[in-house]
């Protein structure tokens, strides 16, 4: 009778056999499972929000050309600085808009540095090849550096986060620079300078470049968007290590 009283007090009908322990997973198991599911959903959301890498296949049939890049400054400057950069790279844009103006004014225009830009389009940036091609087409009309500056100053108008069709806004930049748009559009449609951009990328890979921007100070490789003071220190170090140039060497061009 006492047994029946306890069963009735717990909501069970008389005569129904109760068990001391329920079968199946316990409460702790389901809590742990729910936590794992939450972590999984969070991870999937993060993966979905990341910029997607865009693979670019290099064309082995393009003719080999010299990887000369684009140069500003005196051929007789004792220090050459090479920048490997991606036009869509935010850090490259930061260097181009904040630091490079001082580099040009204080170091390039004073004859201490010759600055060489080399395209290094990263696969994660889907619009960067169009930007490199546009800069090369602008170079045909003597306005590479103007296009270089415009592309970096207006990344938010043509990058992968802004549009899937970058040639429209990039073309507007070209028009604003006063380019002959018939020649420019023909150059872009034919992708005339794809081999040139590809040669710059290949040159960077040969030198072990893995990120942008990467700078080379007379052979010293520095991978980061460094501020002007740090840039100047590397230039000063390269000046001290630079060999004395003869008159004949000073007049030579690369």
Protein backbone atom coordinates (compact mmCIF):
# COMPACT_ATOMS: atom_id res chain seq x y z
CA UNK A 1 0.00 0.00 0.00
CA UNK A 2 2.78 2.44 0.77
CA UNK A 3 4.21 1.68 -2.64
CA UNK A 4 0.93 2.52 -4.34
CA UNK A 5 0.73 5.80 -2.46
CA UNK A 6 4.13 6.93 -3.71
CA UNK A 7 3.22 6.02 -7.30
CA UNK A 8 -0.01 7.94 -7.16
CA UNK A 9 1.78 10.99 -5.77
CA UNK A 10 4.06 11.10 -8.82
CA UNK A 11 1.20 11.11 -11.31
CA UNK A 12 1.26 7.43 -12.26
CA UNK A 13 -1.86 5.31 -12.35
CA UNK A 14 -2.07 2.44 -9.89
CA UNK A 15 -0.73 -0.72 -11.39
CA UNK A 16 1.68 1.03 -13.82
CA UNK A 17 5.22 -0.15 -13.24
CA UNK A 18 7.74 2.71 -12.86
CA UNK A 19 11.50 2.48 -13.51
CA UNK A 20 14.19 3.87 -11.28
CA UNK A 21 16.08 5.47 -14.29
CA UNK A 22 14.86 6.51 -17.70
CA UNK A 23 16.61 5.06 -20.75
CA UNK A 24 18.39 7.13 -23.43
CA UNK A 25 20.77 10.12 -23.24
CA UNK A 26 20.67 12.39 -20.28
CA UNK A 27 20.11 16.13 -20.10
CA UNK A 28 23.86 16.85 -20.24
CA UNK A 29 24.16 15.03 -23.55
CA UNK A 30 21.49 17.19 -25.19
CA UNK A 31 23.06 20.40 -23.84
CA UNK A 32 26.43 19.39 -25.27
CA UNK A 33 24.86 18.46 -28.60
CA UNK A 34 23.09 21.83 -28.78
CA UNK A 35 26.38 23.64 -28.08
CA UNK A 36 28.11 21.74 -30.85
CA UNK A 37 25.31 22.59 -33.27
CA UNK A 38 25.60 26.29 -32.37
CA UNK A 39 29.35 26.22 -32.97
CA UNK A 40 28.79 24.53 -36.32
CA UNK A 41 26.21 27.10 -37.44
CA UNK A 42 28.48 29.96 -36.36
CA UNK A 43 31.39 28.43 -38.27
CA UNK A 44 29.31 28.00 -41.42
CA UNK A 45 28.13 31.61 -41.21
CA UNK A 46 31.73 32.81 -40.88
CA UNK A 47 32.82 30.72 -43.85
CA UNK A 48 29.98 32.08 -45.95
CA UNK A 49 30.84 35.69 -45.08
CA UNK A 50 34.53 35.42 -46.00
CA UNK A 51 35.67 36.85 -49.35
CA UNK A 52 35.75 34.00 -51.81
CA UNK A 53 39.06 33.27 -53.51
CA UNK A 54 38.90 33.55 -57.27
CA UNK A 55 41.25 31.27 -59.17
CA UNK A 56 43.00 32.80 -62.16
CA UNK A 57 44.62 30.47 -64.64
CA UNK A 58 47.82 31.81 -66.17
CA UNK A 59 48.09 31.33 -69.89
CA UNK A 60 51.25 29.36 -70.75
CA UNK A 61 50.92 30.37 -74.40
CA UNK A 62 51.40 34.07 -73.79
CA UNK A 63 54.79 35.33 -74.98
CA UNK A 64 57.47 35.85 -72.38
CA UNK A 65 58.28 39.52 -71.82
CA UNK A 66 60.63 41.41 -69.55
CA UNK A 67 59.14 42.13 -66.15
CA UNK A 68 59.98 45.81 -66.12
CA UNK A 69 56.99 47.20 -64.27
CA UNK A 70 56.35 50.94 -64.20
CA UNK A 71 59.09 53.29 -63.07
CA UNK A 72 59.13 56.78 -61.62
CA UNK A 73 62.33 58.61 -60.67
CA UNK A 74 65.84 59.10 -61.95
CA UNK A 75 67.75 56.30 -63.64
CA UNK A 76 70.79 57.48 -61.64
CA UNK A 77 69.11 57.18 -58.23
CA UNK A 78 71.33 55.14 -55.87
CA UNK A 79 68.42 53.12 -54.47
CA UNK A 80 65.72 51.30 -56.35
CA UNK A 81 62.59 50.32 -54.48
CA UNK A 82 60.30 47.75 -56.07
CA UNK A 83 56.73 47.45 -54.88
CA UNK A 84 54.72 44.30 -55.63
CA UNK A 85 51.12 45.35 -55.16
CA UNK A 86 47.52 44.40 -55.84
CA UNK A 87 45.23 47.26 -56.89
CA UNK A 88 42.35 45.76 -54.87
CA UNK A 89 44.41 45.20 -51.73
CA UNK A 90 43.28 47.54 -48.88
CA UNK A 91 46.78 47.70 -47.38
CA UNK A 92 48.20 48.66 -50.79
CA UNK A 93 45.56 51.37 -51.02
CA UNK A 94 46.53 52.64 -47.60
CA UNK A 95 50.19 52.87 -48.61
CA UNK A 96 49.37 54.52 -51.95
CA UNK A 97 47.16 57.19 -50.45
CA UNK A 98 48.89 57.89 -47.12
CA UNK A 99 52.59 57.09 -47.49
CA UNK A 100 53.50 57.12 -51.16
CA UNK A 101 52.87 60.87 -51.67
CA UNK A 102 55.65 61.59 -49.14
CA UNK A 103 57.88 58.94 -50.73
CA UNK A 104 57.55 60.64 -54.10
CA UNK A 105 58.03 64.17 -52.78
CA UNK A 106 60.90 63.55 -50.36
CA UNK A 107 62.73 60.60 -51.89
CA UNK A 108 61.86 60.15 -55.55
CA UNK A 109 61.76 63.81 -56.58
CA UNK A 110 65.04 64.48 -54.73
CA UNK A 111 66.87 61.80 -56.71
CA UNK A 112 67.46 59.37 -53.85
CA UNK A 113 65.03 56.68 -54.97
CA UNK A 114 63.81 55.15 -58.19
CA UNK A 115 60.40 53.57 -57.56
CA UNK A 116 59.21 50.59 -59.58
CA UNK A 117 55.65 49.26 -59.40
CA UNK A 118 54.96 45.60 -60.24
CA UNK A 119 51.49 44.07 -60.45
CA UNK A 120 50.90 41.17 -58.08
CA UNK A 121 47.18 40.33 -58.47
CA UNK A 122 46.03 38.06 -55.66
CA UNK A 123 43.54 35.30 -56.43
CA UNK A 124 41.24 36.38 -53.59
CA UNK A 125 40.52 39.69 -55.33
CA UNK A 126 38.21 39.08 -58.28
CA UNK A 127 38.42 42.58 -59.81
CA UNK A 128 42.13 43.22 -59.50
CA UNK A 129 43.07 41.89 -62.95
CA UNK A 130 40.77 44.41 -64.62
CA UNK A 131 42.43 47.17 -62.61
CA UNK A 132 45.93 46.04 -63.63
CA UNK A 133 44.87 45.83 -67.28
CA UNK A 134 43.34 49.31 -67.07
CA UNK A 135 46.53 50.76 -65.59
CA UNK A 136 48.55 49.14 -68.38
CA UNK A 137 46.19 50.57 -71.01
CA UNK A 138 46.52 53.99 -69.39
CA UNK A 139 50.29 53.57 -69.56
CA UNK A 140 49.97 53.34 -73.37
CA UNK A 141 48.76 56.93 -73.24
CA UNK A 142 51.42 58.08 -70.79
CA UNK A 143 49.14 58.08 -67.73
CA UNK A 144 50.00 54.99 -65.73
CA UNK A 145 50.73 56.85 -62.49
CA UNK A 146 47.60 58.96 -62.80
CA UNK A 147 45.53 55.79 -63.22
CA UNK A 148 47.49 54.12 -60.41
CA UNK A 149 46.53 56.94 -58.06
CA UNK A 150 42.90 57.02 -59.20
CA UNK A 151 42.45 53.25 -58.79
CA UNK A 152 43.79 53.25 -55.24
CA UNK A 153 41.92 56.41 -54.22
CA UNK A 154 38.64 54.95 -55.49
CA UNK A 155 38.88 51.28 -54.49
CA UNK A 156 35.43 51.45 -52.92
CA UNK A 157 33.88 52.23 -56.31
CA UNK A 158 35.18 49.26 -58.28
CA UNK A 159 36.40 46.54 -55.87
CA UNK A 160 34.72 43.17 -55.40
CA UNK A 161 32.56 44.41 -52.53
CA UNK A 162 31.18 47.25 -54.67
CA UNK A 163 30.51 45.55 -58.00
CA UNK A 164 30.78 42.40 -60.06
CA UNK A 165 31.41 44.50 -63.18
CA UNK A 166 34.42 46.67 -62.40
CA UNK A 167 35.15 47.81 -65.94
CA UNK A 168 32.30 50.33 -65.79
CA UNK A 169 33.52 52.39 -62.82
CA UNK A 170 37.16 51.90 -63.81
CA UNK A 171 36.30 53.22 -67.27
CA UNK A 172 34.80 56.30 -65.62
CA UNK A 173 38.15 56.90 -63.91
CA UNK A 174 39.92 56.55 -67.25
CA UNK A 175 37.54 59.05 -68.84
CA UNK A 176 38.06 61.52 -65.98
CA UNK A 177 41.82 61.35 -66.66
CA UNK A 178 41.22 62.46 -70.23
CA UNK A 179 42.24 59.21 -71.91
CA UNK A 180 41.29 58.54 -75.50
CA UNK A 181 38.42 56.19 -74.68
CA UNK A 182 38.34 54.55 -78.10
CA UNK A 183 41.93 53.43 -77.67
CA UNK A 184 41.41 52.59 -74.02
CA UNK A 185 38.30 50.48 -74.64
CA UNK A 186 40.00 48.65 -77.50
CA UNK A 187 42.96 47.88 -75.24
CA UNK A 188 40.68 46.57 -72.49
CA UNK A 189 38.48 44.52 -74.82
CA UNK A 190 41.53 42.81 -76.31
CA UNK A 191 43.23 42.49 -72.91
CA UNK A 192 46.33 43.68 -74.70
CA UNK A 193 48.55 43.70 -71.64
CA UNK A 194 47.57 40.44 -69.95
CA UNK A 195 51.03 39.01 -70.73
CA UNK A 196 52.67 42.02 -69.09
CA UNK A 197 50.63 41.71 -65.90
CA UNK A 198 51.27 37.97 -65.86
CA UNK A 199 55.02 38.55 -66.19
CA UNK A 200 54.98 40.86 -63.15
CA UNK A 201 53.11 38.25 -61.13
CA UNK A 202 55.58 35.57 -62.18
CA UNK A 203 58.51 37.78 -61.25
CA UNK A 204 57.06 38.30 -57.78
CA UNK A 205 56.58 34.57 -57.33
CA UNK A 206 60.21 33.99 -58.31
CA UNK A 207 61.24 36.43 -55.58
CA UNK A 208 59.11 34.66 -52.99
CA UNK A 209 56.45 37.35 -52.68
CA UNK A 210 53.44 36.00 -50.79
CA UNK A 211 51.51 39.09 -49.74
CA UNK A 212 50.87 42.65 -50.80
CA UNK A 213 52.31 45.13 -50.59
CA UNK A 214 55.84 43.77 -50.56
CA UNK A 215 58.80 46.13 -51.02
CA UNK A 216 62.31 45.35 -52.17
CA UNK A 217 64.98 47.86 -51.15
CA UNK A 218 68.02 47.11 -53.29
CA UNK A 219 67.45 43.42 -52.59
CA UNK A 220 66.06 43.61 -49.03
CA UNK A 221 62.49 42.24 -49.02
CA UNK A 222 60.00 43.88 -46.64
CA UNK A 223 56.43 42.46 -46.71
CA UNK A 224 54.11 45.08 -45.20
CA UNK A 225 52.49 48.47 -45.72
CA UNK A 226 55.09 50.41 -43.79
CA UNK A 227 54.72 54.10 -42.80
CA UNK A 228 57.01 56.77 -44.20
CA UNK A 229 59.50 56.82 -41.29
CA UNK A 230 60.10 53.08 -41.58
CA UNK A 231 60.31 53.35 -45.37
CA UNK A 232 62.94 56.09 -45.01
CA UNK A 233 65.01 53.95 -42.62
CA UNK A 234 65.13 51.13 -45.17
CA UNK A 235 66.15 53.62 -47.86
CA UNK A 236 68.89 55.01 -45.61
CA UNK A 237 70.16 51.49 -44.97
CA UNK A 238 70.18 50.77 -48.71
CA UNK A 239 72.03 54.05 -49.35
CA UNK A 240 74.79 53.05 -46.94
CA UNK A 241 75.11 49.65 -48.59
CA UNK A 242 74.89 50.95 -52.16
CA UNK A 243 78.11 50.75 -54.19
CA UNK A 244 79.67 53.94 -55.49
CA UNK A 245 78.32 54.55 -59.00
CA UNK A 246 80.57 55.61 -61.83
CA UNK A 247 79.47 58.21 -64.38
CA UNK A 248 78.85 55.52 -66.98
CA UNK A 249 76.76 53.45 -64.56
CA UNK A 250 74.81 56.49 -63.45
CA UNK A 251 73.70 57.13 -66.99
CA UNK A 252 72.52 53.58 -67.62
CA UNK A 253 68.87 52.62 -67.45
CA UNK A 254 67.32 49.32 -66.53
